[in-house]
């Protein structure tokens, strides 16, 4: 992987610039650049829909557990 040191252009960058996302890793203060993710235009499969439903139920349960300790 390419590495740039002491790059004035990326110093302090974070967030989205055009089609790129800049992320800073807190542990060693390195900046990573990646393209903006592109979602699929295909309909999710039944398995994916089931997993999303289970995850949604987990979120609802977690929020209710926090609200009523």
Protein backbone atom coordinates (compact mmCIF):
# COMPACT_ATOMS: atom_id res chain seq x y z
CA UNK A 1 0.00 0.00 0.00
CA UNK A 2 1.25 3.46 -0.82
CA UNK A 3 2.06 5.78 2.04
CA UNK A 4 2.44 9.53 2.08
CA UNK A 5 4.25 11.28 4.90
CA UNK A 6 3.90 14.94 5.86
CA UNK A 7 1.38 15.68 3.12
CA UNK A 8 0.14 19.25 3.51
CA UNK A 9 -2.82 18.62 1.18
CA UNK A 10 -4.37 15.94 3.42
CA UNK A 11 -3.39 17.46 6.77
CA UNK A 12 -6.53 17.80 8.86
CA UNK A 13 -8.87 16.38 6.22
CA UNK A 14 -11.82 14.33 7.35
CA UNK A 15 -15.17 13.51 5.85
CA UNK A 16 -16.19 13.49 2.23
CA UNK A 17 -14.54 15.36 -0.61
CA UNK A 18 -16.09 14.65 -4.01
CA UNK A 19 -16.20 10.87 -4.46
CA UNK A 20 -13.67 10.19 -1.71
CA UNK A 21 -14.01 9.64 2.03
CA UNK A 22 -11.17 10.64 4.33
CA UNK A 23 -10.90 8.78 7.64
CA UNK A 24 -8.41 9.29 10.42
CA UNK A 25 -7.45 6.34 12.62
CA UNK A 26 -7.18 7.60 16.18
CA UNK A 27 -4.65 5.04 17.39
CA UNK A 28 -1.82 6.27 15.17
CA UNK A 29 -3.37 9.36 13.51
CA UNK A 30 -3.10 7.90 9.99
CA UNK A 31 -5.43 9.15 7.27
CA UNK A 32 -7.12 6.64 4.97
CA UNK A 33 -8.82 7.53 1.71
CA UNK A 34 -11.49 5.40 0.06
CA UNK A 35 -14.17 5.82 -2.56
CA UNK A 36 -17.73 6.52 -1.55
CA UNK A 37 -19.56 3.19 -1.34
CA UNK A 38 -22.11 2.54 -4.06
CA UNK A 39 -25.22 0.65 -3.07
CA UNK A 40 -26.62 -2.19 -5.09
CA UNK A 41 -29.68 -1.57 -7.21
CA UNK A 42 -30.78 -5.20 -6.90
CA UNK A 43 -33.64 -6.21 -4.64
CA UNK A 44 -32.35 -7.86 -1.43
CA UNK A 45 -32.74 -11.63 -1.25
CA UNK A 46 -35.13 -13.26 1.22
CA UNK A 47 -32.20 -14.25 3.44
CA UNK A 48 -30.99 -10.65 3.53
CA UNK A 49 -34.49 -9.43 4.36
CA UNK A 50 -34.76 -11.97 7.19
CA UNK A 51 -31.41 -10.90 8.64
CA UNK A 52 -32.43 -7.24 8.48
CA UNK A 53 -35.72 -8.04 10.25
CA UNK A 54 -33.88 -9.92 13.01
CA UNK A 55 -31.44 -7.06 13.41
CA UNK A 56 -34.31 -4.56 13.59
CA UNK A 57 -35.99 -6.64 16.31
CA UNK A 58 -32.69 -6.66 18.20
CA UNK A 59 -32.48 -2.88 17.98
CA UNK A 60 -36.03 -2.52 19.29
CA UNK A 61 -35.29 -4.93 22.14
CA UNK A 62 -32.06 -3.12 23.03
CA UNK A 63 -33.75 0.28 23.09
CA UNK A 64 -36.57 -1.03 25.27
CA UNK A 65 -34.09 -2.69 27.65
CA UNK A 66 -32.21 0.59 28.04
CA UNK A 67 -35.43 2.55 28.53
CA UNK A 68 -36.70 0.16 31.26
CA UNK A 69 -33.72 -1.10 33.26
